[in-house]
């Protein structure tokens, strides 16, 4: 691999010199001797691994970009690599022509800009990346917290902050006070977890900010510390009431979207807590191209789902049960044993079924060009977990 890249990667790029290093330690020695624009590294290497090398380069040579490649893709690797400053995450095997295009793009785009959050609005930077149709990663660090917002051709497609991902992470990051920022051009998002427009996201940000300001204004002042509270029989009911768990409102609050936004961009601000099954299904919808994941009973009734706006998940469950049953029956008739997975490929993308225990099955609906290998890995990884959660 090293030999092939050294001899072929810079074909057609007369101003690009390729240096080779057999280990992370050797790479750092090269970086100490000369200025290097870009490092491409594997994750698994003898001695220092690729992620450790990435951290060292980011700390000691912040002007050097890093691309990570691996034969074992995972969201955990991607998240750690991106948060540590990786520009791209390439899966092996790969087409060297595609890698060559990535290198040209990264060297052309450059690193972007750095600065501080004080005196500059994160909302302005988000809008700037949107208007310039940028593919970039905005890394924001404040105190002991940091987060990243990913843009693809100007659209916000992913965000992560600690254990939060998607819209939740996006809103958390925009709520940071102070800190430093780095806008890195050319960074590709590891997954797609946000599908709303920038306008809808920023409107929702403004709504949340207004609601927070109102709560602060309505918060009652604390009584002075020298005020003594009288305890007695009459105070007991009030104490019990205070200790009782707070019940959620029967109707979640809604925010009215302005009529100036197109219908497809009107934000949804209803606060709904995800179920345990939906949290697992979110691993599927975070794969780029996957827009719907459903858990369906064998009787065709929908058990839980995460679906793109406008898709009738209950209808999917009812229709899918017929197709799933037919696939199982065919396998039995042909003596192929129990069904593990089946896929229907349509003009707009695949639909995949996979059994989960004896009473339910998964339905995954995706767009064209979706990485089917990731879906299969996620099904294998999460089937047992879904079965356990669903049985509770």
Protein backbone atom coordinates (compact mmCIF):
# COMPACT_ATOMS: atom_id res chain seq x y z
CA UNK A 1 0.00 0.00 0.00
CA UNK A 2 2.77 2.43 0.96
CA UNK A 3 4.73 1.60 -2.22
CA UNK A 4 1.66 2.03 -4.42
CA UNK A 5 0.67 5.40 -2.93
CA UNK A 6 4.19 6.80 -3.05
CA UNK A 7 4.55 6.04 -6.76
CA UNK A 8 1.04 6.76 -8.03
CA UNK A 9 -0.75 9.26 -5.81
CA UNK A 10 0.73 12.44 -7.31
CA UNK A 11 0.25 11.54 -10.98
CA UNK A 12 -0.92 14.67 -12.77
CA UNK A 13 0.08 16.84 -9.77
CA UNK A 14 3.51 18.17 -10.76
CA UNK A 15 3.78 20.46 -7.73
CA UNK A 16 3.08 17.71 -5.18
CA UNK A 17 5.89 15.69 -3.60
CA UNK A 18 5.13 12.38 -1.86
CA UNK A 19 7.14 11.33 1.20
CA UNK A 20 6.81 7.85 2.75
CA UNK A 21 7.12 6.74 6.37
CA UNK A 22 6.87 3.16 7.66
CA UNK A 23 5.57 4.15 11.11
CA UNK A 24 4.00 6.99 13.05
CA UNK A 25 7.31 7.73 14.75
CA UNK A 26 9.06 8.02 11.37
CA UNK A 27 6.29 10.31 10.13
CA UNK A 28 6.78 12.67 13.08
CA UNK A 29 10.52 12.77 12.37
CA UNK A 30 9.80 13.81 8.76
CA UNK A 31 7.38 16.49 9.94
CA UNK A 32 10.05 17.90 12.26
CA UNK A 33 12.47 18.38 9.35
CA UNK A 34 10.21 20.05 6.79
CA UNK A 35 6.80 21.64 6.22
CA UNK A 36 4.19 19.10 5.15
CA UNK A 37 0.73 20.09 3.93
CA UNK A 38 -1.04 16.76 4.25
CA UNK A 39 -0.55 13.36 5.93
CA UNK A 40 -2.40 10.19 4.89
CA UNK A 41 -2.20 7.51 7.56
CA UNK A 42 -3.65 4.10 8.30
CA UNK A 43 -5.19 3.46 11.74
CA UNK A 44 -3.55 0.09 12.40
CA UNK A 45 0.26 0.43 12.30
CA UNK A 46 3.16 -1.03 14.27
CA UNK A 47 3.98 1.13 17.27
CA UNK A 48 2.01 4.39 17.27
CA UNK A 49 -1.44 3.95 15.72
CA UNK A 50 -3.04 6.39 13.31
CA UNK A 51 -5.31 8.10 15.85
CA UNK A 52 -2.37 8.76 18.20
CA UNK A 53 -0.40 10.13 15.25
CA UNK A 54 -3.34 12.38 14.37
CA UNK A 55 -3.41 13.84 17.88
CA UNK A 56 0.36 14.45 17.83
CA UNK A 57 0.18 16.17 14.45
CA UNK A 58 -2.77 18.32 15.54
CA UNK A 59 -0.91 19.41 18.69
CA UNK A 60 2.59 19.89 17.23
CA UNK A 61 1.91 20.73 13.57
CA UNK A 62 -1.55 22.38 13.45
CA UNK A 63 -0.98 23.57 9.86
CA UNK A 64 -0.77 19.97 8.57
CA UNK A 65 -3.97 18.25 7.44
CA UNK A 66 -4.55 14.56 8.15
CA UNK A 67 -6.57 11.93 6.26
CA UNK A 68 -7.33 8.65 8.08
CA UNK A 69 -7.84 5.37 6.21
CA UNK A 70 -8.90 1.99 7.55
CA UNK A 71 -10.32 -1.37 6.47
CA UNK A 72 -12.51 -1.49 9.60
CA UNK A 73 -14.95 1.46 9.46
CA UNK A 74 -16.95 2.36 12.55
CA UNK A 75 -18.75 5.45 13.80
CA UNK A 76 -16.60 5.40 16.95
CA UNK A 77 -13.40 5.62 14.87
CA UNK A 78 -14.89 8.33 12.69
CA UNK A 79 -16.10 10.48 15.57
CA UNK A 80 -12.77 10.25 17.40
CA UNK A 81 -10.81 10.96 14.23
CA UNK A 82 -12.98 13.95 13.26
CA UNK A 83 -12.90 15.47 16.76
CA UNK A 84 -9.11 15.11 16.74
CA UNK A 85 -8.80 17.06 13.49
CA UNK A 86 -9.01 14.51 10.66
CA UNK A 87 -9.95 16.01 7.29
CA UNK A 88 -11.35 12.81 5.79
CA UNK A 89 -11.97 9.17 6.67
CA UNK A 90 -11.27 6.77 3.75
CA UNK A 91 -12.37 3.13 3.72
CA UNK A 92 -10.16 0.43 2.21
CA UNK A 93 -10.17 -0.86 -0.42
CA UNK A 94 -10.38 2.43 -2.31
CA UNK A 95 -9.90 3.71 -5.85
CA UNK A 96 -6.64 5.67 -6.04
CA UNK A 97 -8.27 8.06 -8.51
CA UNK A 98 -10.84 9.02 -5.86
CA UNK A 99 -8.09 9.51 -3.26
CA UNK A 100 -6.20 11.66 -5.76
CA UNK A 101 -9.28 13.88 -6.18
CA UNK A 102 -9.62 14.18 -2.39
CA UNK A 103 -5.96 15.22 -2.07
CA UNK A 104 -6.35 17.83 -4.81
CA UNK A 105 -9.48 19.20 -3.13
CA UNK A 106 -7.88 19.36 0.32
CA UNK A 107 -4.72 21.07 -0.96
CA UNK A 108 -6.85 23.52 -2.96
CA UNK A 109 -9.25 24.35 -0.12
CA UNK A 110 -6.58 24.86 2.52
CA UNK A 111 -7.17 24.72 6.24
CA UNK A 112 -9.83 27.42 6.54
CA UNK A 113 -9.69 29.88 9.41
CA UNK A 114 -9.35 29.96 13.16
CA UNK A 115 -10.48 32.49 15.73
CA UNK A 116 -12.37 33.03 18.96
CA UNK A 117 -16.09 32.88 19.63
CA UNK A 118 -15.92 36.11 21.65
CA UNK A 119 -17.05 39.00 19.46
CA UNK A 120 -18.19 36.75 16.61
CA UNK A 121 -21.50 34.95 16.20
CA UNK A 122 -21.52 31.21 15.51
CA UNK A 123 -24.80 31.79 13.69
CA UNK A 124 -22.96 34.12 11.27
CA UNK A 125 -20.34 31.44 10.55
CA UNK A 126 -23.04 28.82 9.96
CA UNK A 127 -24.77 31.18 7.54
CA UNK A 128 -21.44 31.99 5.85
CA UNK A 129 -20.73 28.29 5.19
CA UNK A 130 -24.27 27.91 3.89
CA UNK A 131 -24.08 30.86 1.50
CA UNK A 132 -20.65 29.80 0.20
CA UNK A 133 -21.91 26.20 -0.29
CA UNK A 134 -18.93 25.00 1.72
CA UNK A 135 -18.00 21.44 2.55
CA UNK A 136 -16.30 21.95 5.89
CA UNK A 137 -16.18 21.18 9.58
CA UNK A 138 -16.64 23.89 12.20
CA UNK A 139 -14.91 22.88 15.44
CA UNK A 140 -15.83 24.91 18.54
CA UNK A 141 -14.01 24.53 21.86
CA UNK A 142 -14.99 26.21 25.11
CA UNK A 143 -13.66 25.27 28.56
CA UNK A 144 -13.71 21.47 28.80
CA UNK A 145 -16.32 21.07 26.05
CA UNK A 146 -15.95 20.83 22.29
CA UNK A 147 -18.18 20.08 19.37
CA UNK A 148 -18.17 19.92 15.58
CA UNK A 149 -20.73 20.95 12.97
CA UNK A 150 -20.33 19.44 9.49
CA UNK A 151 -21.41 21.11 6.25
CA UNK A 152 -21.80 19.45 2.86
CA UNK A 153 -22.23 21.80 -0.09
CA UNK A 154 -23.58 24.44 2.28
CA UNK A 155 -26.07 22.23 4.15
CA UNK A 156 -25.68 21.30 7.82
CA UNK A 157 -25.65 17.49 7.72
CA UNK A 158 -24.11 16.37 11.02
CA UNK A 159 -23.07 17.61 14.46
CA UNK A 160 -21.53 15.96 17.49
CA UNK A 161 -20.81 17.16 21.00
CA UNK A 162 -19.85 14.63 23.67
CA UNK A 163 -22.44 11.86 23.45
CA UNK A 164 -24.91 14.05 21.59
CA UNK A 165 -25.27 13.83 17.82
CA UNK A 166 -27.50 15.45 15.22
CA UNK A 167 -29.79 18.38 16.00
CA UNK A 168 -29.33 18.01 19.77
CA UNK A 169 -25.57 18.48 19.38
CA UNK A 170 -26.07 21.37 16.92
CA UNK A 171 -28.20 23.34 19.37
CA UNK A 172 -25.79 22.60 22.23
CA UNK A 173 -22.82 23.91 20.23
CA UNK A 174 -24.62 27.10 19.20
CA UNK A 175 -25.29 27.67 22.91
CA UNK A 176 -21.56 27.75 23.77
CA UNK A 177 -20.39 30.95 25.45
CA UNK A 178 -16.88 32.06 24.48
CA UNK A 179 -14.08 29.73 23.39
CA UNK A 180 -12.18 29.18 20.16
CA UNK A 181 -13.23 27.96 16.73
CA UNK A 182 -11.66 26.37 13.68
CA UNK A 183 -13.39 26.20 10.31
CA UNK A 184 -11.68 23.47 8.25
CA UNK A 185 -12.48 23.38 4.55
CA UNK A 186 -12.80 20.11 2.65
CA UNK A 187 -13.80 17.92 5.59
CA UNK A 188 -16.42 15.32 4.68
CA UNK A 189 -19.08 14.41 7.29
CA UNK A 190 -18.71 10.89 8.77
CA UNK A 191 -22.50 10.35 8.70
CA UNK A 192 -25.68 12.31 7.96
CA UNK A 193 -27.71 12.96 11.11
CA UNK A 194 -29.39 16.29 10.21
CA UNK A 195 -31.75 16.75 7.28
CA UNK A 196 -33.33 20.14 8.03
CA UNK A 197 -32.38 23.30 6.14
CA UNK A 198 -30.09 25.88 7.71
CA UNK A 199 -33.01 28.31 7.85
CA UNK A 200 -35.13 25.86 9.85
CA UNK A 201 -32.25 25.03 12.21
CA UNK A 202 -31.43 28.68 12.89
CA UNK A 203 -35.10 29.53 13.40
CA UNK A 204 -35.33 26.71 15.93
CA UNK A 205 -32.14 28.01 17.58
CA UNK A 206 -33.75 31.44 17.95
CA UNK A 207 -36.92 29.89 19.42
CA UNK A 208 -34.90 27.91 21.97
CA UNK A 209 -32.88 31.00 22.87
CA UNK A 210 -36.07 33.04 23.42
CA UNK A 211 -37.61 30.26 25.53
CA UNK A 212 -34.46 30.07 27.66
CA UNK A 213 -34.48 33.85 28.16
CA UNK A 214 -38.15 33.74 29.22
CA UNK A 215 -37.47 30.96 31.72
CA UNK A 216 -34.66 33.00 33.25
CA UNK A 217 -36.95 36.00 33.61
CA UNK A 218 -39.74 33.91 35.15
CA UNK A 219 -37.45 32.09 37.57
CA UNK A 220 -38.49 33.10 41.15
CA UNK A 221 -35.88 34.73 43.31
CA UNK A 222 -34.43 32.54 46.07
CA UNK A 223 -35.44 33.57 49.61
CA UNK A 224 -32.72 35.12 51.78
CA UNK A 225 -30.63 32.59 53.67
CA UNK A 226 -31.72 34.00 57.08
CA UNK A 227 -35.42 33.17 56.49
CA UNK A 228 -36.46 30.20 58.63
CA UNK A 229 -38.98 27.68 57.26
CA UNK A 230 -41.54 26.42 59.78
CA UNK A 231 -42.00 22.67 59.79
CA UNK A 232 -45.24 21.25 61.07
CA UNK A 233 -48.28 19.17 60.17
CA UNK A 234 -49.58 21.81 57.76
CA UNK A 235 -46.24 21.90 55.93
CA UNK A 236 -46.10 18.16 55.37
CA UNK A 237 -48.41 17.99 52.32
CA UNK A 238 -46.42 20.73 50.61
CA UNK A 239 -43.20 18.84 51.29
CA UNK A 240 -44.61 15.66 49.84
CA UNK A 241 -45.75 17.53 46.79
CA UNK A 242 -42.31 19.02 46.31
CA UNK A 243 -40.71 15.59 46.55
CA UNK A 244 -43.08 14.03 44.00
CA UNK A 245 -41.60 13.56 40.53
CA UNK A 246 -42.53 16.18 38.03
CA UNK A 247 -45.07 14.97 35.48
CA UNK A 248 -44.53 15.96 31.85
CA UNK A 249 -47.20 18.15 30.30
CA UNK A 250 -49.88 16.23 28.46
CA UNK A 251 -49.35 18.37 25.35
CA UNK A 252 -45.76 19.33 24.48
CA UNK A 253 -45.23 23.02 23.71
CA UNK A 254 -45.17 24.00 20.04
CA UNK A 255 -43.60 26.98 18.31
CA UNK A 256 -45.40 28.51 15.35
CA UNK A 257 -43.24 28.62 12.23
CA UNK A 258 -43.31 31.87 10.21
CA UNK A 259 -45.30 31.78 7.01
CA UNK A 260 -42.29 33.18 5.12
CA UNK A 261 -40.56 29.80 5.18
CA UNK A 262 -41.44 27.21 2.53
CA UNK A 263 -43.40 24.21 3.89
CA UNK A 264 -40.44 21.84 3.51
CA UNK A 265 -38.27 24.19 5.59
CA UNK A 266 -40.70 24.86 8.42
CA UNK A 267 -38.99 23.63 11.60
CA UNK A 268 -40.37 21.10 14.02
CA UNK A 269 -39.80 22.36 17.55
CA UNK A 270 -41.90 19.84 19.42
CA UNK A 271 -39.76 18.30 22.16
CA UNK A 272 -40.22 14.54 22.12
CA UNK A 273 -37.97 12.12 23.98
CA UNK A 274 -36.74 9.22 21.88
CA UNK A 275 -37.67 5.72 22.98
CA UNK A 276 -34.96 3.15 23.67
CA UNK A 277 -35.72 1.40 20.39
CA UNK A 278 -35.58 4.71 18.48
CA UNK A 279 -32.14 5.40 19.94
CA UNK A 280 -30.96 2.15 18.39
CA UNK A 281 -32.78 2.83 15.11
CA UNK A 282 -30.95 6.17 15.00
CA UNK A 283 -27.74 4.22 14.32
CA UNK A 284 -29.26 3.21 10.99
CA UNK A 285 -30.62 6.65 10.04
CA UNK A 286 -27.20 8.17 10.84
CA UNK A 287 -25.75 6.17 7.93
CA UNK A 288 -25.63 8.48 4.92
CA UNK A 289 -28.53 7.70 2.59
CA UNK A 290 -30.66 5.79 5.10
CA UNK A 291 -33.82 7.82 5.77
CA UNK A 292 -36.20 5.32 7.43
CA UNK A 293 -35.76 2.53 9.97
CA UNK A 294 -38.76 0.61 11.34
CA UNK A 295 -39.29 -2.24 13.78
CA UNK A 296 -42.35 -4.17 12.61
CA UNK A 297 -44.22 -7.04 14.21
CA UNK A 298 -44.77 -10.12 12.08
CA UNK A 299 -48.47 -9.27 12.14
CA UNK A 300 -47.68 -6.06 10.23
CA UNK A 301 -48.20 -3.65 13.14
CA UNK A 302 -45.55 -0.95 13.55
CA UNK A 303 -43.69 -1.26 16.87
CA UNK A 304 -41.42 1.79 16.53
CA UNK A 305 -39.76 3.85 13.82
CA UNK A 306 -37.62 6.78 12.71
CA UNK A 307 -38.77 8.01 9.31
CA UNK A 308 -38.24 10.90 6.93
CA UNK A 309 -40.98 13.54 7.05
CA UNK A 310 -43.87 12.58 4.79
CA UNK A 311 -43.31 8.83 5.00
CA UNK A 312 -46.12 6.73 6.49
CA UNK A 313 -44.22 4.28 8.70
CA UNK A 314 -47.38 2.37 9.63
CA UNK A 315 -48.10 1.77 5.95
CA UNK A 316 -44.53 0.52 5.50
CA UNK A 317 -45.10 -1.97 8.32
CA UNK A 318 -48.31 -3.28 6.83
CA UNK A 319 -46.85 -3.71 3.33
CA UNK A 320 -43.48 -5.03 4.49
CA UNK A 321 -44.99 -7.90 6.48
CA UNK A 322 -46.24 -9.43 3.23
CA UNK A 323 -42.86 -9.18 1.52
CA UNK A 324 -41.03 -10.48 4.58
CA UNK A 325 -43.37 -13.46 4.88
CA UNK A 326 -42.93 -14.32 1.19
CA UNK A 327 -39.12 -14.19 1.50
CA UNK A 328 -39.21 -16.50 4.53
CA UNK A 329 -41.54 -18.90 2.74
CA UNK A 330 -39.29 -19.02 -0.33
CA UNK A 331 -36.25 -19.84 1.82
CA UNK A 332 -38.13 -22.67 3.52
CA UNK A 333 -39.37 -24.11 0.21
CA UNK A 334 -35.85 -24.08 -1.25
CA UNK A 335 -34.36 -25.61 1.89
CA UNK A 336 -32.12 -22.61 2.52
CA UNK A 337 -32.85 -22.43 6.23
CA UNK A 338 -33.95 -19.44 8.27
CA UNK A 339 -33.99 -15.95 6.77
CA UNK A 340 -31.21 -13.64 7.95
CA UNK A 341 -31.61 -10.71 5.59
CA UNK A 342 -33.32 -9.86 2.31
CA UNK A 343 -33.19 -6.82 0.04
CA UNK A 344 -35.41 -5.36 -2.67
CA UNK A 345 -33.65 -2.93 -4.99
CA UNK A 346 -35.80 -0.19 -6.53
CA UNK A 347 -35.05 2.74 -8.83
CA UNK A 348 -34.80 5.16 -5.91
CA UNK A 349 -32.88 2.86 -3.58
CA UNK A 350 -32.95 -0.42 -1.63
CA UNK A 351 -35.35 -1.72 1.05
CA UNK A 352 -33.80 -4.26 3.44
CA UNK A 353 -35.54 -6.68 5.84
CA UNK A 354 -33.92 -8.55 8.74
CA UNK A 355 -35.63 -10.67 11.44
CA UNK A 356 -35.28 -9.61 15.07
CA UNK A 357 -36.19 -12.54 17.30
CA UNK A 358 -39.31 -14.56 16.58
CA UNK A 359 -41.88 -11.75 16.68
CA UNK A 360 -40.47 -8.79 14.74
CA UNK A 361 -38.25 -7.67 11.87
CA UNK A 362 -36.35 -4.56 10.81
CA UNK A 363 -37.18 -2.55 7.70
CA UNK A 364 -34.43 -0.22 6.41
CA UNK A 365 -35.25 2.17 3.54
CA UNK A 366 -32.40 4.00 1.83
CA UNK A 367 -31.51 6.17 -1.14
CA UNK A 368 -29.32 5.15 -4.07
CA UNK A 369 -25.54 5.01 -3.49
CA UNK A 370 -26.01 4.07 0.18
CA UNK A 371 -23.19 1.96 1.65
CA UNK A 372 -25.00 -1.40 2.00
CA UNK A 373 -22.07 -2.89 3.89
CA UNK A 374 -22.59 -0.43 6.73
CA UNK A 375 -26.26 -1.32 6.90
CA UNK A 376 -25.44 -5.04 7.12
CA UNK A 377 -22.86 -4.41 9.86
CA UNK A 378 -25.36 -2.28 11.81
CA UNK A 379 -28.08 -4.95 11.49
CA UNK A 380 -25.71 -7.64 12.75
CA UNK A 381 -24.55 -5.38 15.58
CA UNK A 382 -27.96 -4.16 16.76
CA UNK A 383 -30.41 -7.05 16.18
CA UNK A 384 -29.76 -8.65 19.57
CA UNK A 385 -29.88 -5.26 21.30
CA UNK A 386 -33.25 -4.40 19.70
CA UNK A 387 -34.64 -7.81 20.65
CA UNK A 388 -33.62 -7.28 24.29
CA UNK A 389 -35.07 -3.75 24.46
CA UNK A 390 -38.28 -4.74 22.70
CA UNK A 391 -38.91 -7.56 25.17
CA UNK A 392 -38.81 -5.22 28.20
